[in-house]
Amino acid sequence: MHRQAAVNHRFDPDYSSEARKAKVEGTVVLETVVGTDGLARDVRIISRPLGHGLDEEEIKALNGWTFKPATSESKPVPTKVGIEMEFRNPVGRQDCARRIALISA
């Protein structure tokens, strides 16, 4: 029996002051390996970066996430997952991620 990795706890990225000034918006796709301990490893951006300090915030946030690891035959196994984060310029708010989705496991 196989089970895909699932998000257990997530942190939303902050919207940098530089991005706020530049009114940066867009979608970024990140990739990480979820270890058998449920922690994100080797986080990297696999789409076009947004810049203006957002990329560092995305990676910092994803490094703090915890997952229920994928399993194979009831044993935890490391697996690569993709995460899509959509950013919209917040009005009077610090967080900016309007939609965060696990897109592959």
N, C-alpha and C. Protein backbone atom coordinates (compact mmCIF):
# COMPACT_ATOMS: atom_id res chain seq x y z
N MET A 1 0.84 -1.18 0.00
CA MET A 1 0.00 0.00 0.00
C MET A 1 0.89 1.24 0.00
N HIS A 2 0.52 2.24 -0.81
CA HIS A 2 1.29 3.46 -0.93
C HIS A 2 0.43 4.65 -0.50
N ARG A 3 1.09 5.60 0.17
CA ARG A 3 0.41 6.84 0.54
C ARG A 3 1.32 7.99 0.14
N GLN A 4 0.74 9.01 -0.47
CA GLN A 4 1.52 10.19 -0.87
C GLN A 4 1.80 11.07 0.34
N ALA A 5 2.81 11.90 0.23
CA ALA A 5 3.11 12.88 1.28
C ALA A 5 1.96 13.88 1.37
N ALA A 6 1.71 14.37 2.57
CA ALA A 6 0.64 15.35 2.78
C ALA A 6 1.15 16.42 3.73
N VAL A 7 0.68 17.64 3.53
CA VAL A 7 1.09 18.75 4.40
C VAL A 7 0.47 18.55 5.78
N ASN A 8 1.31 18.63 6.80
CA ASN A 8 0.85 18.49 8.18
C ASN A 8 0.67 19.87 8.81
N HIS A 9 1.69 20.74 8.64
CA HIS A 9 1.64 22.11 9.17
C HIS A 9 2.43 23.00 8.23
N ARG A 10 1.86 24.16 7.91
CA ARG A 10 2.55 25.06 6.99
C ARG A 10 2.66 26.47 7.57
N PHE A 11 3.64 27.19 7.05
CA PHE A 11 3.84 28.60 7.36
C PHE A 11 3.71 29.37 6.06
N ASP A 12 2.93 30.42 6.06
CA ASP A 12 2.82 31.26 4.87
C ASP A 12 4.01 32.19 4.80
N PRO A 13 4.52 32.45 3.60
CA PRO A 13 5.64 33.38 3.45
C PRO A 13 5.20 34.82 3.71
N ASP A 14 6.12 35.63 4.18
CA ASP A 14 5.86 37.05 4.35
C ASP A 14 6.06 37.76 3.01
N TYR A 15 5.39 38.87 2.86
CA TYR A 15 5.51 39.70 1.66
C TYR A 15 6.55 40.77 1.98
N SER A 16 7.70 40.72 1.33
CA SER A 16 8.79 41.64 1.64
C SER A 16 8.40 43.09 1.35
N SER A 17 9.01 44.00 2.08
CA SER A 17 8.72 45.42 1.85
C SER A 17 9.12 45.84 0.43
N GLU A 18 10.19 45.24 -0.08
CA GLU A 18 10.63 45.53 -1.45
C GLU A 18 9.56 45.09 -2.46
N ALA A 19 8.98 43.91 -2.25
CA ALA A 19 7.93 43.41 -3.15
C ALA A 19 6.67 44.25 -3.02
N ARG A 20 6.38 44.69 -1.80
CA ARG A 20 5.21 45.54 -1.57
C ARG A 20 5.34 46.85 -2.36
N LYS A 21 6.53 47.47 -2.29
CA LYS A 21 6.76 48.72 -3.04
C LYS A 21 6.63 48.51 -4.54
N ALA A 22 7.17 47.39 -5.03
CA ALA A 22 7.15 47.10 -6.46
C ALA A 22 5.82 46.48 -6.91
N LYS A 23 4.93 46.18 -5.95
CA LYS A 23 3.62 45.58 -6.23
C LYS A 23 3.76 44.29 -7.04
N VAL A 24 4.71 43.46 -6.61
CA VAL A 24 4.97 42.20 -7.30
C VAL A 24 3.87 41.18 -7.00
N GLU A 25 3.39 40.54 -8.05
CA GLU A 25 2.41 39.47 -7.92
C GLU A 25 2.80 38.36 -8.89
N GLY A 26 2.37 37.15 -8.61
CA GLY A 26 2.65 36.05 -9.51
C GLY A 26 2.58 34.71 -8.82
N THR A 27 2.92 33.68 -9.57
CA THR A 27 2.88 32.31 -9.06
C THR A 27 4.27 31.72 -9.18
N VAL A 28 4.66 31.00 -8.15
CA VAL A 28 5.97 30.35 -8.11
C VAL A 28 5.76 28.87 -7.81
N VAL A 29 6.55 28.03 -8.45
CA VAL A 29 6.52 26.60 -8.17
C VAL A 29 7.85 26.22 -7.52
N LEU A 30 7.74 25.58 -6.37
CA LEU A 30 8.92 25.11 -5.64
C LEU A 30 8.91 23.60 -5.60
N GLU A 31 10.07 23.04 -5.37
CA GLU A 31 10.19 21.59 -5.25
C GLU A 31 10.99 21.29 -4.00
N THR A 32 10.61 20.25 -3.29
CA THR A 32 11.34 19.83 -2.11
C THR A 32 11.29 18.32 -2.00
N VAL A 33 12.22 17.78 -1.26
CA VAL A 33 12.19 16.36 -0.92
C VAL A 33 11.66 16.29 0.51
N VAL A 34 10.58 15.53 0.70
CA VAL A 34 10.05 15.30 2.04
C VAL A 34 10.73 14.05 2.57
N GLY A 35 11.47 14.22 3.66
CA GLY A 35 12.20 13.11 4.26
C GLY A 35 11.29 12.17 5.03
N THR A 36 11.84 11.07 5.46
CA THR A 36 11.06 10.09 6.24
C THR A 36 10.63 10.67 7.58
N ASP A 37 11.27 11.76 8.00
CA ASP A 37 10.90 12.44 9.25
C ASP A 37 9.84 13.51 9.03
N GLY A 38 9.41 13.70 7.77
CA GLY A 38 8.37 14.68 7.46
C GLY A 38 8.88 16.10 7.27
N LEU A 39 10.19 16.30 7.22
CA LEU A 39 10.77 17.63 7.04
C LEU A 39 11.15 17.87 5.59
N ALA A 40 11.04 19.14 5.17
CA ALA A 40 11.40 19.55 3.81
C ALA A 40 12.92 19.65 3.70
N ARG A 41 13.46 19.13 2.61
CA ARG A 41 14.89 19.19 2.35
C ARG A 41 15.11 19.63 0.90
N ASP A 42 16.24 20.26 0.67
CA ASP A 42 16.62 20.64 -0.69
C ASP A 42 15.54 21.45 -1.41
N VAL A 43 15.01 22.46 -0.73
CA VAL A 43 13.97 23.31 -1.31
C VAL A 43 14.58 24.16 -2.43
N ARG A 44 13.90 24.19 -3.57
CA ARG A 44 14.38 25.01 -4.67
C ARG A 44 13.20 25.49 -5.51
N ILE A 45 13.42 26.60 -6.17
CA ILE A 45 12.41 27.17 -7.06
C ILE A 45 12.62 26.56 -8.44
N ILE A 46 11.54 26.02 -9.03
CA ILE A 46 11.68 25.39 -10.35
C ILE A 46 10.96 26.18 -11.44
N SER A 47 10.32 27.28 -11.08
CA SER A 47 9.70 28.16 -12.07
C SER A 47 10.47 29.47 -12.11
N ARG A 48 9.97 30.41 -12.85
CA ARG A 48 10.60 31.73 -12.91
C ARG A 48 10.48 32.41 -11.55
N PRO A 49 11.60 32.83 -10.94
CA PRO A 49 11.56 33.52 -9.64
C PRO A 49 10.83 34.86 -9.75
N LEU A 50 10.25 35.30 -8.63
CA LEU A 50 9.57 36.60 -8.60
C LEU A 50 10.51 37.73 -8.20
N GLY A 51 11.57 37.42 -7.47
CA GLY A 51 12.52 38.45 -7.05
C GLY A 51 11.97 39.33 -5.94
N HIS A 52 12.61 40.46 -5.72
CA HIS A 52 12.20 41.46 -4.73
C HIS A 52 12.08 40.88 -3.32
N GLY A 53 12.91 39.89 -3.00
CA GLY A 53 12.90 39.31 -1.66
C GLY A 53 11.86 38.22 -1.44
N LEU A 54 10.95 38.01 -2.40
CA LEU A 54 9.91 36.99 -2.23
C LEU A 54 10.47 35.58 -2.29
N ASP A 55 11.44 35.35 -3.14
CA ASP A 55 11.98 34.00 -3.30
C ASP A 55 12.60 33.49 -2.00
N GLU A 56 13.32 34.38 -1.31
CA GLU A 56 13.91 33.99 -0.02
C GLU A 56 12.81 33.69 1.00
N GLU A 57 11.74 34.47 0.98
CA GLU A 57 10.62 34.24 1.91
C GLU A 57 9.91 32.92 1.61
N GLU A 58 9.76 32.59 0.33
CA GLU A 58 9.12 31.33 -0.06
C GLU A 58 9.92 30.15 0.48
N ILE A 59 11.23 30.18 0.25
CA ILE A 59 12.10 29.09 0.68
C ILE A 59 12.12 28.99 2.20
N LYS A 60 12.22 30.13 2.88
CA LYS A 60 12.22 30.15 4.35
C LYS A 60 10.93 29.53 4.89
N ALA A 61 9.80 29.91 4.31
CA ALA A 61 8.51 29.37 4.77
C ALA A 61 8.45 27.86 4.56
N LEU A 62 8.79 27.40 3.35
CA LEU A 62 8.69 25.97 3.05
C LEU A 62 9.64 25.14 3.91
N ASN A 63 10.78 25.68 4.26
CA ASN A 63 11.71 24.96 5.15
C ASN A 63 11.11 24.75 6.54
N GLY A 64 10.09 25.53 6.90
CA GLY A 64 9.44 25.37 8.20
C GLY A 64 8.23 24.44 8.18
N TRP A 65 7.82 24.00 7.00
CA TRP A 65 6.66 23.11 6.90
C TRP A 65 6.98 21.73 7.44
N THR A 66 5.94 21.03 7.91
CA THR A 66 6.08 19.62 8.24
C THR A 66 5.05 18.84 7.42
N PHE A 67 5.40 17.62 7.11
CA PHE A 67 4.57 16.76 6.27
C PHE A 67 4.35 15.41 6.95
N LYS A 68 3.29 14.75 6.53
CA LYS A 68 3.14 13.32 6.80
C LYS A 68 3.89 12.67 5.65
N PRO A 69 4.97 11.95 5.94
CA PRO A 69 5.77 11.43 4.83
C PRO A 69 5.00 10.41 3.99
N ALA A 70 5.43 10.27 2.75
CA ALA A 70 4.89 9.23 1.89
C ALA A 70 5.27 7.88 2.48
N THR A 71 4.47 6.88 2.19
CA THR A 71 4.79 5.53 2.66
C THR A 71 4.71 4.55 1.50
N SER A 72 5.47 3.51 1.64
CA SER A 72 5.43 2.38 0.72
C SER A 72 5.45 1.14 1.59
N GLU A 73 4.44 0.31 1.45
CA GLU A 73 4.30 -0.88 2.28
C GLU A 73 4.37 -0.52 3.77
N SER A 74 3.68 0.56 4.10
CA SER A 74 3.53 1.06 5.48
C SER A 74 4.82 1.61 6.10
N LYS A 75 5.87 1.81 5.29
CA LYS A 75 7.13 2.38 5.79
C LYS A 75 7.34 3.75 5.17
N PRO A 76 7.75 4.75 5.98
CA PRO A 76 8.01 6.09 5.42
C PRO A 76 9.13 6.04 4.39
N VAL A 77 8.93 6.77 3.29
CA VAL A 77 9.95 6.86 2.23
C VAL A 77 10.11 8.32 1.83
N PRO A 78 11.33 8.75 1.49
CA PRO A 78 11.51 10.11 1.00
C PRO A 78 10.83 10.25 -0.37
N THR A 79 10.28 11.43 -0.62
CA THR A 79 9.62 11.67 -1.90
C THR A 79 9.74 13.12 -2.29
N LYS A 80 9.78 13.37 -3.59
CA LYS A 80 9.85 14.73 -4.13
C LYS A 80 8.44 15.26 -4.31
N VAL A 81 8.20 16.49 -3.87
CA VAL A 81 6.88 17.11 -4.07
C VAL A 81 7.04 18.51 -4.65
N GLY A 82 6.02 18.95 -5.34
CA GLY A 82 5.97 20.31 -5.87
C GLY A 82 4.95 21.12 -5.10
N ILE A 83 5.25 22.37 -4.88
CA ILE A 83 4.35 23.28 -4.16
C ILE A 83 4.17 24.52 -5.02
N GLU A 84 2.93 24.91 -5.27
CA GLU A 84 2.64 26.12 -6.02
C GLU A 84 2.15 27.20 -5.06
N MET A 85 2.79 28.36 -5.11
CA MET A 85 2.40 29.49 -4.27
C MET A 85 2.02 30.66 -5.17
N GLU A 86 0.82 31.17 -4.97
CA GLU A 86 0.34 32.32 -5.73
C GLU A 86 0.36 33.54 -4.82
N PHE A 87 0.96 34.61 -5.29
CA PHE A 87 1.12 35.82 -4.49
C PHE A 87 0.32 36.97 -5.05
N ARG A 88 -0.36 37.67 -4.16
CA ARG A 88 -1.09 38.89 -4.50
C ARG A 88 -0.67 39.96 -3.52
N ASN A 89 -0.51 41.17 -4.00
CA ASN A 89 -0.09 42.28 -3.15
C ASN A 89 -1.10 42.47 -2.02
N PRO A 90 -0.67 42.27 -0.77
CA PRO A 90 -1.61 42.41 0.34
C PRO A 90 -1.90 43.88 0.62
N VAL A 91 -3.09 44.15 1.04
CA VAL A 91 -3.46 45.51 1.42
C VAL A 91 -3.65 45.51 2.92
N GLY A 92 -2.69 46.12 3.64
CA GLY A 92 -2.77 46.19 5.09
C GLY A 92 -2.49 44.87 5.80
N ARG A 93 -1.92 43.90 5.10
CA ARG A 93 -1.61 42.61 5.70
C ARG A 93 -0.16 42.27 5.43
N GLN A 94 0.43 41.45 6.29
CA GLN A 94 1.82 41.04 6.09
C GLN A 94 1.91 39.83 5.15
N ASP A 95 0.96 38.88 5.30
CA ASP A 95 1.05 37.68 4.47
C ASP A 95 0.51 37.96 3.07
N CYS A 96 0.98 37.20 2.12
CA CYS A 96 0.65 37.49 0.73
C CYS A 96 0.23 36.28 -0.06
N ALA A 97 0.40 35.11 0.49
CA ALA A 97 0.08 33.90 -0.27
C ALA A 97 -1.41 33.70 -0.28
N ARG A 98 -2.01 33.88 -1.42
CA ARG A 98 -3.46 33.73 -1.55
C ARG A 98 -3.83 32.28 -1.76
N ARG A 99 -2.93 31.53 -2.37
CA ARG A 99 -3.22 30.12 -2.63
C ARG A 99 -1.91 29.36 -2.57
N ILE A 100 -1.92 28.32 -1.76
CA ILE A 100 -0.76 27.44 -1.68
C ILE A 100 -1.28 26.02 -1.89
N ALA A 101 -0.71 25.31 -2.85
CA ALA A 101 -1.21 23.98 -3.18
C ALA A 101 -0.08 22.99 -3.36
N LEU A 102 -0.28 21.79 -2.83
CA LEU A 102 0.62 20.68 -3.09
C LEU A 102 0.23 20.16 -4.48
N ILE A 103 1.16 20.25 -5.44
CA ILE A 103 0.79 19.94 -6.83
C ILE A 103 1.27 18.58 -7.30
N SER A 104 2.20 17.97 -6.56
CA SER A 104 2.63 16.64 -6.96
C SER A 104 3.24 15.94 -5.77
N ALA A 105 3.20 14.67 -5.82
CA ALA A 105 3.82 13.87 -4.75
C ALA A 105 4.26 12.55 -5.33
